[in-house]
Amino acid sequence: MHSKPRNISALLLLVSASVNAEVTIDGSLGGAAFDAVISGNGFTYDIQDTYGQSVGANLFHSFDKFNIGIDEHANFSGTNSIANIIARVTGGESSIAGRITSSIDGSSLYMVNSAGFIFTNGAVVDVDGSLTVSTADYFEFSDGVRFYSNLSDTSTLSMTEISGFGFLSNGSGIIAIDSSGTVSSEEKPASQNLYVNSDAILIDDVDLQAGAIDIRMGDAAFGEIGIFDSILESVEGGVFFQGGNIYSVESVITATGQGSEVSVMATSITLEGGAKESVIQSGSLTSSGGKIDLQAQNITLENNAKFPPRAVVEMAAISH
């Protein structure tokens, strides 16, 4: 039996909560508030670009509810000129147990909901570009304007690239990924990059592959990342974690691509094994190991936790 931080234990209980499946718009970018996204073209929710607004290569959507049930399929569509799909949810926590795709070739998907996301029961997000899931209060664009995750602040739609994200308070929701491969695909390899940012992140019983994996808190010195009984593998880039307390139990965190690296910056880092090992590894398992860079005030390895023998491990205590 593993002792988990109190708030991480609470996150585990939240994952089992059931939410009615529905996708509705909030009316802020067109249409009537609470209108349902209807089925069509073989999809449970056929999210056409007419539900949102396009500005340059950015397609903005604003949903009141975004809950995808088991065996349901939500698909984003639009013109091939769209490079980024930016979807916010303003009406409460989002639960995703089905499948999300995009029929826009090469497009990336940015999902933001300050109330949080729960991916569970084998949920899959399959897009050509990168996937970003966030509970930030806003996305900021390279021209300096912001698209807020709530309706009380005035947002501006930009045609430029997203340059960052921001948190204005400590009240953001959680991102929980439970028993789901969020960027896996039967049709193509896991080459998409995965970016997750929130004040609290739970990854439990997950076998997740992505090109690169970037998981960070809204504040580098605060927040909790809990990883339990999971495998997180970067197949083309590196793995980067940044947060307050990072706790990995019976899990494997690995970067296997060319020049791979696992980098962790936190207040405290704890690796705990048990019946299974807890491992951080980098580089090919059949050749010399890659770089592992851990920077924290406290670094703890407990029970059956280890680094592979050929890895280049750099550990440094830092102060915030």
C-alpha atoms as a PDB file:
ATOM      1  CA  MET A   1       0.000   0.000   0.000  1.00  0.00           C
ATOM      2  CA  HIS A   2       1.511   3.311  -1.063  1.00  0.00           C
ATOM      3  CA  SER A   3       1.093   6.501   0.908  1.00  0.00           C
ATOM      4  CA  LYS A   4       0.030   9.259  -1.493  1.00  0.00           C
ATOM      5  CA  PRO A   5      -0.077  13.005  -0.818  1.00  0.00           C
ATOM      6  CA  ARG A   6      -3.511  13.880   0.500  1.00  0.00           C
ATOM      7  CA  ASN A   7      -4.607  15.954  -2.469  1.00  0.00           C
ATOM      8  CA  ILE A   8      -3.405  13.299  -4.949  1.00  0.00           C
ATOM      9  CA  SER A   9      -5.573  10.733  -3.150  1.00  0.00           C
ATOM     10  CA  ALA A  10      -8.528  13.062  -3.590  1.00  0.00           C
ATOM     11  CA  LEU A  11      -7.823  13.239  -7.323  1.00  0.00           C
ATOM     12  CA  LEU A  12      -8.008   9.455  -7.580  1.00  0.00           C
ATOM     13  CA  LEU A  13     -11.531   9.538  -6.157  1.00  0.00           C
ATOM     14  CA  LEU A  14     -12.620  12.239  -8.605  1.00  0.00           C
ATOM     15  CA  VAL A  15     -11.741  10.158 -11.655  1.00  0.00           C
ATOM     16  CA  SER A  16     -14.594   7.737 -10.970  1.00  0.00           C
ATOM     17  CA  ALA A  17     -17.205  10.497 -11.062  1.00  0.00           C
ATOM     18  CA  SER A  18     -19.741  10.044 -13.896  1.00  0.00           C
ATOM     19  CA  VAL A  19     -20.760  12.913 -16.173  1.00  0.00           C
ATOM     20  CA  ASN A  20     -23.574  12.976 -18.722  1.00  0.00           C
ATOM     21  CA  ALA A  21     -22.234  12.933 -22.278  1.00  0.00           C
ATOM     22  CA  GLU A  22     -23.013  16.138 -24.177  1.00  0.00           C
ATOM     23  CA  VAL A  23     -21.331  18.799 -26.261  1.00  0.00           C
ATOM     24  CA  THR A  24     -22.926  22.256 -26.337  1.00  0.00           C
ATOM     25  CA  ILE A  25     -21.643  25.675 -27.395  1.00  0.00           C
ATOM     26  CA  ASP A  26     -21.768  28.709 -25.082  1.00  0.00           C
ATOM     27  CA  GLY A  27     -22.772  31.196 -27.799  1.00  0.00           C
ATOM     28  CA  SER A  28     -19.795  33.530 -27.277  1.00  0.00           C
ATOM     29  CA  LEU A  29     -18.379  32.890 -30.769  1.00  0.00           C
ATOM     30  CA  GLY A  30     -21.687  32.590 -32.610  1.00  0.00           C
ATOM     31  CA  GLY A  31     -24.851  30.550 -32.430  1.00  0.00           C
ATOM     32  CA  ALA A  32     -27.187  30.379 -29.453  1.00  0.00           C
ATOM     33  CA  ALA A  33     -25.952  29.591 -25.967  1.00  0.00           C
ATOM     34  CA  PHE A  34     -26.413  25.936 -24.976  1.00  0.00           C
ATOM     35  CA  ASP A  35     -27.128  24.783 -28.532  1.00  0.00           C
ATOM     36  CA  ALA A  36     -26.127  21.127 -28.902  1.00  0.00           C
ATOM     37  CA  VAL A  37     -23.505  20.009 -31.395  1.00  0.00           C
ATOM     38  CA  ILE A  38     -25.336  17.482 -33.553  1.00  0.00           C
ATOM     39  CA  SER A  39     -24.218  14.204 -35.079  1.00  0.00           C
ATOM     40  CA  GLY A  40     -23.238  13.840 -38.721  1.00  0.00           C
ATOM     41  CA  ASN A  41     -20.724  12.348 -41.145  1.00  0.00           C
ATOM     42  CA  GLY A  42     -20.489   9.255 -38.963  1.00  0.00           C
ATOM     43  CA  PHE A  43     -19.532  11.179 -35.815  1.00  0.00           C
ATOM     44  CA  THR A  44     -21.476  11.470 -32.570  1.00  0.00           C
ATOM     45  CA  TYR A  45     -20.478  15.139 -32.435  1.00  0.00           C
ATOM     46  CA  ASP A  46     -19.679  16.684 -35.835  1.00  0.00           C
ATOM     47  CA  ILE A  47     -17.853  19.855 -34.763  1.00  0.00           C
ATOM     48  CA  GLN A  48     -17.718  21.864 -37.984  1.00  0.00           C
ATOM     49  CA  ASP A  49     -15.910  25.193 -38.243  1.00  0.00           C
ATOM     50  CA  THR A  50     -19.254  26.999 -38.449  1.00  0.00           C
ATOM     51  CA  TYR A  51     -19.690  26.408 -34.695  1.00  0.00           C
ATOM     52  CA  GLY A  52     -16.689  28.685 -34.072  1.00  0.00           C
ATOM     53  CA  GLN A  53     -14.681  31.483 -35.682  1.00  0.00           C
ATOM     54  CA  SER A  54     -11.579  31.317 -37.871  1.00  0.00           C
ATOM     55  CA  VAL A  55      -8.904  34.013 -37.755  1.00  0.00           C
ATOM     56  CA  GLY A  56      -6.037  33.325 -40.112  1.00  0.00           C
ATOM     57  CA  ALA A  57      -4.823  29.787 -39.477  1.00  0.00           C
ATOM     58  CA  ASN A  58      -6.483  29.629 -36.033  1.00  0.00           C
ATOM     59  CA  LEU A  59      -9.941  28.108 -35.517  1.00  0.00           C
ATOM     60  CA  PHE A  60     -11.534  29.099 -32.190  1.00  0.00           C
ATOM     61  CA  HIS A  61     -14.336  27.139 -30.495  1.00  0.00           C
ATOM     62  CA  SER A  62     -16.083  27.902 -27.212  1.00  0.00           C
ATOM     63  CA  PHE A  63     -18.146  25.172 -25.545  1.00  0.00           C
ATOM     64  CA  ASP A  64     -20.405  25.273 -22.532  1.00  0.00           C
ATOM     65  CA  LYS A  65     -20.209  21.492 -22.053  1.00  0.00           C
ATOM     66  CA  PHE A  66     -17.692  19.096 -23.597  1.00  0.00           C
ATOM     67  CA  ASN A  67     -18.297  15.583 -22.300  1.00  0.00           C
ATOM     68  CA  ILE A  68     -17.579  12.608 -24.569  1.00  0.00           C
ATOM     69  CA  GLY A  69     -19.039   9.285 -23.439  1.00  0.00           C
ATOM     70  CA  ILE A  70     -17.701   5.770 -23.953  1.00  0.00           C
ATOM     71  CA  ASP A  71     -17.999   4.724 -27.633  1.00  0.00           C
ATOM     72  CA  GLU A  72     -18.741   8.322 -28.638  1.00  0.00           C
ATOM     73  CA  HIS A  73     -16.667  10.176 -31.254  1.00  0.00           C
ATOM     74  CA  ALA A  74     -16.179  13.937 -31.538  1.00  0.00           C
ATOM     75  CA  ASN A  75     -14.486  15.224 -34.698  1.00  0.00           C
ATOM     76  CA  PHE A  76     -13.250  18.734 -35.508  1.00  0.00           C
ATOM     77  CA  SER A  77     -13.433  19.769 -39.172  1.00  0.00           C
ATOM     78  CA  GLY A  78     -12.616  22.841 -41.230  1.00  0.00           C
ATOM     79  CA  THR A  79     -10.589  24.065 -44.169  1.00  0.00           C
ATOM     80  CA  ASN A  80      -7.059  22.803 -44.773  1.00  0.00           C
ATOM     81  CA  SER A  81      -5.737  26.312 -44.062  1.00  0.00           C
ATOM     82  CA  ILE A  82      -6.345  25.769 -40.341  1.00  0.00           C
ATOM     83  CA  ALA A  83      -3.168  24.966 -38.390  1.00  0.00           C
ATOM     84  CA  ASN A  84      -4.469  25.320 -34.815  1.00  0.00           C
ATOM     85  CA  ILE A  85      -7.797  24.338 -33.284  1.00  0.00           C
ATOM     86  CA  ILE A  86      -8.280  26.231 -30.007  1.00  0.00           C
ATOM     87  CA  ALA A  87     -11.178  24.846 -27.972  1.00  0.00           C
ATOM     88  CA  ARG A  88     -12.190  26.226 -24.596  1.00  0.00           C
ATOM     89  CA  VAL A  89     -14.837  24.879 -22.216  1.00  0.00           C
ATOM     90  CA  THR A  90     -16.562  27.427 -19.983  1.00  0.00           C
ATOM     91  CA  GLY A  91     -19.373  25.493 -18.281  1.00  0.00           C
ATOM     92  CA  GLY A  92     -17.567  23.186 -15.851  1.00  0.00           C
ATOM     93  CA  GLU A  93     -15.286  20.178 -15.751  1.00  0.00           C
ATOM     94  CA  SER A  94     -14.959  18.143 -18.941  1.00  0.00           C
ATOM     95  CA  SER A  95     -15.092  14.328 -18.945  1.00  0.00           C
ATOM     96  CA  ILE A  96     -13.739  12.405 -21.923  1.00  0.00           C
ATOM     97  CA  ALA A  97     -14.168   8.642 -22.182  1.00  0.00           C
ATOM     98  CA  GLY A  98     -14.527   8.346 -25.956  1.00  0.00           C
ATOM     99  CA  ARG A  99     -12.574   9.515 -28.982  1.00  0.00           C
ATOM    100  CA  ILE A 100     -11.585  12.979 -30.240  1.00  0.00           C
ATOM    101  CA  THR A 101     -10.173  13.432 -33.742  1.00  0.00           C
ATOM    102  CA  SER A 102      -9.615  16.105 -36.351  1.00  0.00           C
ATOM    103  CA  SER A 103     -10.105  15.751 -40.092  1.00  0.00           C
ATOM    104  CA  ILE A 104      -7.975  18.876 -40.711  1.00  0.00           C
ATOM    105  CA  ASP A 105      -4.638  17.535 -41.943  1.00  0.00           C
ATOM    106  CA  GLY A 106      -1.650  18.623 -39.869  1.00  0.00           C
ATOM    107  CA  SER A 107      -3.644  20.657 -37.351  1.00  0.00           C
ATOM    108  CA  SER A 108      -2.781  20.893 -33.648  1.00  0.00           C
ATOM    109  CA  LEU A 109      -5.431  20.850 -30.917  1.00  0.00           C
ATOM    110  CA  TYR A 110      -5.375  23.142 -27.867  1.00  0.00           C
ATOM    111  CA  MET A 111      -7.959  22.341 -25.192  1.00  0.00           C
ATOM    112  CA  VAL A 112      -8.402  24.709 -22.241  1.00  0.00           C
ATOM    113  CA  ASN A 113     -10.842  24.486 -19.323  1.00  0.00           C
ATOM    114  CA  SER A 114     -10.089  26.185 -16.016  1.00  0.00           C
ATOM    115  CA  ALA A 115     -12.445  23.707 -14.288  1.00  0.00           C
ATOM    116  CA  GLY A 116     -10.364  20.738 -15.459  1.00  0.00           C
ATOM    117  CA  PHE A 117     -10.383  17.646 -17.680  1.00  0.00           C
ATOM    118  CA  ILE A 118     -10.814  13.974 -16.819  1.00  0.00           C
ATOM    119  CA  PHE A 119      -9.712  11.432 -19.445  1.00  0.00           C
ATOM    120  CA  THR A 120     -10.838   7.928 -18.535  1.00  0.00           C
ATOM    121  CA  ASN A 121     -11.988   4.508 -19.767  1.00  0.00           C
ATOM    122  CA  GLY A 122      -9.610   4.360 -22.725  1.00  0.00           C
ATOM    123  CA  ALA A 123     -10.131   7.897 -24.033  1.00  0.00           C
ATOM    124  CA  VAL A 124      -8.173   8.703 -27.193  1.00  0.00           C
ATOM    125  CA  VAL A 125      -7.249  12.039 -28.749  1.00  0.00           C
ATOM    126  CA  ASP A 126      -5.873  11.468 -32.246  1.00  0.00           C
ATOM    127  CA  VAL A 127      -4.704  14.539 -34.196  1.00  0.00           C
ATOM    128  CA  ASP A 128      -1.956  15.049 -36.771  1.00  0.00           C
ATOM    129  CA  GLY A 129      -0.285  17.882 -34.879  1.00  0.00           C
ATOM    130  CA  SER A 130       0.474  18.364 -31.212  1.00  0.00           C
ATOM    131  CA  LEU A 131      -2.036  18.103 -28.364  1.00  0.00           C
ATOM    132  CA  THR A 132      -2.156  20.640 -25.533  1.00  0.00           C
ATOM    133  CA  VAL A 133      -4.472  20.163 -22.534  1.00  0.00           C
ATOM    134  CA  SER A 134      -4.570  22.988 -19.997  1.00  0.00           C
ATOM    135  CA  THR A 135      -6.478  24.462 -17.053  1.00  0.00           C
ATOM    136  CA  ALA A 136      -4.793  27.842 -17.562  1.00  0.00           C
ATOM    137  CA  ASP A 137      -6.747  31.060 -17.204  1.00  0.00           C
ATOM    138  CA  TYR A 138      -5.613  32.184 -20.639  1.00  0.00           C
ATOM    139  CA  PHE A 139      -3.574  31.413 -23.723  1.00  0.00           C
ATOM    140  CA  GLU A 140      -1.326  34.243 -24.855  1.00  0.00           C
ATOM    141  CA  PHE A 141      -0.413  34.793 -28.503  1.00  0.00           C
ATOM    142  CA  SER A 142       2.782  36.133 -30.025  1.00  0.00           C
ATOM    143  CA  ASP A 143       1.102  39.490 -30.748  1.00  0.00           C
ATOM    144  CA  GLY A 144       0.405  39.895 -27.019  1.00  0.00           C
ATOM    145  CA  VAL A 145      -3.372  39.314 -27.010  1.00  0.00           C
ATOM    146  CA  ARG A 146      -5.077  36.757 -24.786  1.00  0.00           C
ATOM    147  CA  PHE A 147      -7.833  34.209 -25.206  1.00  0.00           C
ATOM    148  CA  TYR A 148      -9.304  33.610 -21.737  1.00  0.00           C
ATOM    149  CA  SER A 149     -10.748  30.329 -20.499  1.00  0.00           C
ATOM    150  CA  ASN A 150     -13.785  32.017 -18.941  1.00  0.00           C
ATOM    151  CA  LEU A 151     -16.438  34.381 -20.252  1.00  0.00           C
ATOM    152  CA  SER A 152     -16.023  37.084 -17.594  1.00  0.00           C
ATOM    153  CA  ASP A 153     -12.773  38.327 -19.159  1.00  0.00           C
ATOM    154  CA  THR A 154     -12.679  39.915 -22.603  1.00  0.00           C
ATOM    155  CA  SER A 155     -10.851  37.723 -25.107  1.00  0.00           C
ATOM    156  CA  THR A 156      -9.291  38.721 -28.418  1.00  0.00           C
ATOM    157  CA  LEU A 157      -9.011  36.294 -31.313  1.00  0.00           C
ATOM    158  CA  SER A 158      -5.543  36.314 -32.845  1.00  0.00           C
ATOM    159  CA  MET A 159      -4.152  34.981 -36.100  1.00  0.00           C
ATOM    160  CA  THR A 160      -0.666  34.509 -34.591  1.00  0.00           C
ATOM    161  CA  GLU A 161       0.817  31.470 -32.813  1.00  0.00           C
ATOM    162  CA  ILE A 162       0.202  30.670 -29.149  1.00  0.00           C
ATOM    163  CA  SER A 163       3.318  31.747 -27.243  1.00  0.00           C
ATOM    164  CA  GLY A 164       2.401  30.796 -23.667  1.00  0.00           C
ATOM    165  CA  PHE A 165      -0.233  30.330 -21.004  1.00  0.00           C
ATOM    166  CA  GLY A 166      -1.005  31.974 -17.679  1.00  0.00           C
ATOM    167  CA  PHE A 167      -2.662  31.323 -14.330  1.00  0.00           C
ATOM    168  CA  LEU A 168      -4.300  34.226 -12.506  1.00  0.00           C
ATOM    169  CA  SER A 169      -5.439  32.364  -9.362  1.00  0.00           C
ATOM    170  CA  ASN A 170      -4.951  29.152  -7.396  1.00  0.00           C
ATOM    171  CA  GLY A 171      -8.440  27.861  -8.119  1.00  0.00           C
ATOM    172  CA  SER A 172      -7.898  25.992 -11.376  1.00  0.00           C
ATOM    173  CA  GLY A 173      -9.203  22.467 -11.862  1.00  0.00           C
ATOM    174  CA  ILE A 174      -7.265  19.255 -12.277  1.00  0.00           C
ATOM    175  CA  ILE A 175      -6.190  17.219 -15.266  1.00  0.00           C
ATOM    176  CA  ALA A 176      -6.620  13.506 -14.635  1.00  0.00           C
ATOM    177  CA  ILE A 177      -5.630  10.814 -17.141  1.00  0.00           C
ATOM    178  CA  ASP A 178      -6.836   7.400 -16.017  1.00  0.00           C
ATOM    179  CA  SER A 179      -6.609   4.158 -18.028  1.00  0.00           C
ATOM    180  CA  SER A 180      -6.341   6.038 -21.316  1.00  0.00           C
ATOM    181  CA  GLY A 181      -3.851   6.541 -24.130  1.00  0.00           C
ATOM    182  CA  THR A 182      -4.491  10.161 -24.979  1.00  0.00           C
ATOM    183  CA  VAL A 183      -2.349  10.376 -28.094  1.00  0.00           C
ATOM    184  CA  SER A 184      -2.382   6.760 -29.238  1.00  0.00           C
ATOM    185  CA  SER A 185      -3.679   5.724 -32.637  1.00  0.00           C
ATOM    186  CA  GLU A 186      -4.330   2.527 -34.537  1.00  0.00           C
ATOM    187  CA  GLU A 187      -3.718   4.299 -37.838  1.00  0.00           C
ATOM    188  CA  LYS A 188      -0.386   6.062 -37.304  1.00  0.00           C
ATOM    189  CA  PRO A 189       2.545   6.042 -34.890  1.00  0.00           C
ATOM    190  CA  ALA A 190       2.607   8.144 -31.736  1.00  0.00           C
ATOM    191  CA  SER A 191       4.597  11.012 -33.261  1.00  0.00           C
ATOM    192  CA  GLN A 192       2.395  13.815 -31.885  1.00  0.00           C
ATOM    193  CA  ASN A 193       3.740  15.936 -29.034  1.00  0.00           C
ATOM    194  CA  LEU A 194       1.792  16.091 -25.774  1.00  0.00           C
ATOM    195  CA  TYR A 195       1.704  19.208 -23.575  1.00  0.00           C
ATOM    196  CA  VAL A 196      -0.168  19.271 -20.257  1.00  0.00           C
ATOM    197  CA  ASN A 197      -0.283  22.187 -17.820  1.00  0.00           C
ATOM    198  CA  SER A 198      -2.321  22.572 -14.657  1.00  0.00           C
ATOM    199  CA  ASP A 199      -1.920  23.136 -10.904  1.00  0.00           C
ATOM    200  CA  ALA A 200      -2.732  19.464 -10.245  1.00  0.00           C
ATOM    201  CA  ILE A 201      -2.089  16.548 -12.617  1.00  0.00           C
ATOM    202  CA  LEU A 202      -2.896  12.878 -12.017  1.00  0.00           C
ATOM    203  CA  ILE A 203      -1.744  10.076 -14.339  1.00  0.00           C
ATOM    204  CA  ASP A 204      -2.945   6.652 -13.232  1.00  0.00           C
ATOM    205  CA  ASP A 205      -2.791   3.236 -14.958  1.00  0.00           C
ATOM    206  CA  VAL A 206      -1.775   4.743 -18.306  1.00  0.00           C
ATOM    207  CA  ASP A 207       0.409   3.453 -21.157  1.00  0.00           C
ATOM    208  CA  LEU A 208       1.110   6.674 -23.018  1.00  0.00           C
ATOM    209  CA  GLN A 209       3.371   7.296 -26.012  1.00  0.00           C
ATOM    210  CA  ALA A 210       4.035  10.624 -27.697  1.00  0.00           C
ATOM    211  CA  GLY A 211       6.706  12.309 -29.771  1.00  0.00           C
ATOM    212  CA  ALA A 212       7.683  14.567 -26.881  1.00  0.00           C
ATOM    213  CA  ILE A 213       6.016  14.894 -23.476  1.00  0.00           C
ATOM    214  CA  ASP A 214       5.915  18.207 -21.602  1.00  0.00           C
ATOM    215  CA  ILE A 215       4.055  18.301 -18.265  1.00  0.00           C
ATOM    216  CA  ARG A 216       4.270  21.372 -16.084  1.00  0.00           C
ATOM    217  CA  MET A 217       2.519  23.329 -13.344  1.00  0.00           C
ATOM    218  CA  GLY A 218       1.224  26.862 -13.583  1.00  0.00           C
ATOM    219  CA  ASP A 219       3.929  27.781 -11.050  1.00  0.00           C
ATOM    220  CA  ALA A 220       7.261  25.987 -11.048  1.00  0.00           C
ATOM    221  CA  ALA A 221       7.390  25.925  -7.235  1.00  0.00           C
ATOM    222  CA  PHE A 222       3.847  24.727  -6.480  1.00  0.00           C
ATOM    223  CA  GLY A 223       1.328  22.087  -7.497  1.00  0.00           C
ATOM    224  CA  GLU A 224       1.267  18.296  -7.571  1.00  0.00           C
ATOM    225  CA  ILE A 225       2.043  15.774 -10.302  1.00  0.00           C
ATOM    226  CA  GLY A 226       1.145  12.195  -9.355  1.00  0.00           C
ATOM    227  CA  ILE A 227       2.069   9.267 -11.628  1.00  0.00           C
ATOM    228  CA  PHE A 228       0.890   5.794 -10.592  1.00  0.00           C
ATOM    229  CA  ASP A 229       1.335   2.405 -12.279  1.00  0.00           C
ATOM    230  CA  SER A 230       1.988   4.017 -15.655  1.00  0.00           C
ATOM    231  CA  ILE A 231       4.378   4.092 -18.602  1.00  0.00           C
ATOM    232  CA  LEU A 232       5.179   7.478 -20.169  1.00  0.00           C
ATOM    233  CA  GLU A 233       7.357   7.170 -23.261  1.00  0.00           C
ATOM    234  CA  SER A 234       8.684   9.860 -25.548  1.00  0.00           C
ATOM    235  CA  VAL A 235       9.541   8.205 -28.863  1.00  0.00           C
ATOM    236  CA  GLU A 236      10.978  11.157 -30.802  1.00  0.00           C
ATOM    237  CA  GLY A 237      11.829  13.922 -28.327  1.00  0.00           C
ATOM    238  CA  GLY A 238      12.373  14.282 -24.617  1.00  0.00           C
ATOM    239  CA  VAL A 239      10.314  14.183 -21.442  1.00  0.00           C
ATOM    240  CA  PHE A 240      10.066  17.390 -19.397  1.00  0.00           C
ATOM    241  CA  PHE A 241       8.396  17.840 -16.007  1.00  0.00           C
ATOM    242  CA  GLN A 242       8.176  21.077 -14.040  1.00  0.00           C
ATOM    243  CA  GLY A 243       6.236  21.531 -10.837  1.00  0.00           C
ATOM    244  CA  GLY A 244       6.124  21.658  -7.086  1.00  0.00           C
ATOM    245  CA  ASN A 245       5.955  18.041  -5.934  1.00  0.00           C
ATOM    246  CA  ILE A 246       6.399  15.192  -8.404  1.00  0.00           C
ATOM    247  CA  TYR A 247       5.533  11.728  -7.125  1.00  0.00           C
ATOM    248  CA  SER A 248       6.010   8.611  -9.293  1.00  0.00           C
ATOM    249  CA  VAL A 249       4.954   5.176  -8.014  1.00  0.00           C
ATOM    250  CA  GLU A 250       5.614   1.884  -9.837  1.00  0.00           C
ATOM    251  CA  SER A 251       5.935   3.803 -13.094  1.00  0.00           C
ATOM    252  CA  VAL A 252       8.369   4.029 -16.005  1.00  0.00           C
ATOM    253  CA  ILE A 253       9.266   7.437 -17.441  1.00  0.00           C
ATOM    254  CA  THR A 254      11.408   7.042 -20.539  1.00  0.00           C
ATOM    255  CA  ALA A 255      12.710   8.942 -23.555  1.00  0.00           C
ATOM    256  CA  THR A 256      13.872   6.602 -26.321  1.00  0.00           C
ATOM    257  CA  GLY A 257      14.441   8.900 -29.294  1.00  0.00           C
ATOM    258  CA  GLN A 258      17.691  10.135 -30.820  1.00  0.00           C
ATOM    259  CA  GLY A 259      19.501  12.417 -28.366  1.00  0.00           C
ATOM    260  CA  SER A 260      16.783  11.782 -25.825  1.00  0.00           C
ATOM    261  CA  GLU A 261      16.674  13.380 -22.385  1.00  0.00           C
ATOM    262  CA  VAL A 262      14.457  13.287 -19.313  1.00  0.00           C
ATOM    263  CA  SER A 263      14.470  16.614 -17.473  1.00  0.00           C
ATOM    264  CA  VAL A 264      12.665  17.219 -14.167  1.00  0.00           C
ATOM    265  CA  MET A 265      12.580  20.518 -12.250  1.00  0.00           C
ATOM    266  CA  ALA A 266      10.609  20.542  -9.009  1.00  0.00           C
ATOM    267  CA  THR A 267      10.579  21.384  -5.325  1.00  0.00           C
ATOM    268  CA  SER A 268      10.621  17.658  -4.526  1.00  0.00           C
ATOM    269  CA  ILE A 269      10.935  14.500  -6.615  1.00  0.00           C
ATOM    270  CA  THR A 270       9.983  11.088  -5.196  1.00  0.00           C
ATOM    271  CA  LEU A 271      10.339   7.759  -7.023  1.00  0.00           C
ATOM    272  CA  GLU A 272       8.749   4.836  -5.204  1.00  0.00           C
ATOM    273  CA  GLY A 273       8.746   1.215  -6.274  1.00  0.00           C
ATOM    274  CA  GLY A 274       6.902  -1.729  -4.829  1.00  0.00           C
ATOM    275  CA  ALA A 275       5.719  -4.915  -6.468  1.00  0.00           C
ATOM    276  CA  LYS A 276       6.958  -3.272  -9.679  1.00  0.00           C
ATOM    277  CA  GLU A 277       9.966  -1.061 -10.298  1.00  0.00           C
ATOM    278  CA  SER A 278       9.767   2.694 -10.564  1.00  0.00           C
ATOM    279  CA  VAL A 279      12.248   3.810 -13.233  1.00  0.00           C
ATOM    280  CA  ILE A 280      13.394   6.930 -15.050  1.00  0.00           C
ATOM    281  CA  GLN A 281      15.384   6.023 -18.157  1.00  0.00           C
ATOM    282  CA  SER A 282      16.666   7.777 -21.245  1.00  0.00           C
ATOM    283  CA  GLY A 283      18.205   6.482 -24.453  1.00  0.00           C
ATOM    284  CA  SER A 284      17.994   3.113 -26.193  1.00  0.00           C
ATOM    285  CA  LEU A 285      17.869   0.145 -23.843  1.00  0.00           C
ATOM    286  CA  THR A 286      20.390  -1.675 -26.071  1.00  0.00           C
ATOM    287  CA  SER A 287      22.982   1.111 -26.292  1.00  0.00           C
ATOM    288  CA  SER A 288      24.499   3.805 -24.103  1.00  0.00           C
ATOM    289  CA  GLY A 289      22.015   5.633 -21.980  1.00  0.00           C
ATOM    290  CA  GLY A 290      20.770   9.153 -22.525  1.00  0.00           C
ATOM    291  CA  LYS A 291      20.793  12.076 -20.131  1.00  0.00           C
ATOM    292  CA  ILE A 292      18.609  12.336 -17.016  1.00  0.00           C
ATOM    293  CA  ASP A 293      18.586  15.774 -15.402  1.00  0.00           C
ATOM    294  CA  LEU A 294      16.863  16.097 -12.009  1.00  0.00           C
ATOM    295  CA  GLN A 295      16.791  19.458 -10.217  1.00  0.00           C
ATOM    296  CA  ALA A 296      14.954  19.726  -6.910  1.00  0.00           C
ATOM    297  CA  GLN A 297      15.335  20.711  -3.271  1.00  0.00           C
ATOM    298  CA  ASN A 298      14.612  17.092  -2.297  1.00  0.00           C
ATOM    299  CA  ILE A 299      15.149  13.944  -4.391  1.00  0.00           C
ATOM    300  CA  THR A 300      14.059  10.601  -2.891  1.00  0.00           C
ATOM    301  CA  LEU A 301      14.288   7.030  -4.246  1.00  0.00           C
ATOM    302  CA  GLU A 302      12.311   4.480  -2.226  1.00  0.00           C
ATOM    303  CA  ASN A 303      11.922   0.703  -2.344  1.00  0.00           C
ATOM    304  CA  ASN A 304      12.347  -0.684  -5.869  1.00  0.00           C
ATOM    305  CA  ALA A 305      13.158   2.655  -7.567  1.00  0.00           C
ATOM    306  CA  LYS A 306      16.206   3.114  -9.789  1.00  0.00           C
ATOM    307  CA  PHE A 307      17.923   4.560 -12.823  1.00  0.00           C
ATOM    308  CA  PRO A 308      19.297   2.266 -15.575  1.00  0.00           C
ATOM    309  CA  PRO A 309      23.034   1.526 -15.178  1.00  0.00           C
ATOM    310  CA  ARG A 310      24.140   3.251 -18.423  1.00  0.00           C
ATOM    311  CA  ALA A 311      22.190   6.462 -17.904  1.00  0.00           C
ATOM    312  CA  VAL A 312      23.981   9.770 -17.386  1.00  0.00           C
ATOM    313  CA  VAL A 313      22.212  11.098 -14.285  1.00  0.00           C
ATOM    314  CA  GLU A 314      22.719  14.673 -13.117  1.00  0.00           C
ATOM    315  CA  MET A 315      21.056  15.600  -9.822  1.00  0.00           C
ATOM    316  CA  ALA A 316      21.197  19.060  -8.274  1.00  0.00           C
ATOM    317  CA  ALA A 317      19.510  20.646  -5.287  1.00  0.00           C
ATOM    318  CA  ILE A 318      17.969  23.982  -6.178  1.00  0.00           C
ATOM    319  CA  SER A 319      16.265  26.720  -4.204  1.00  0.00           C
ATOM    320  CA  HIS A 320      13.254  28.659  -5.356  1.00  0.00           C
END
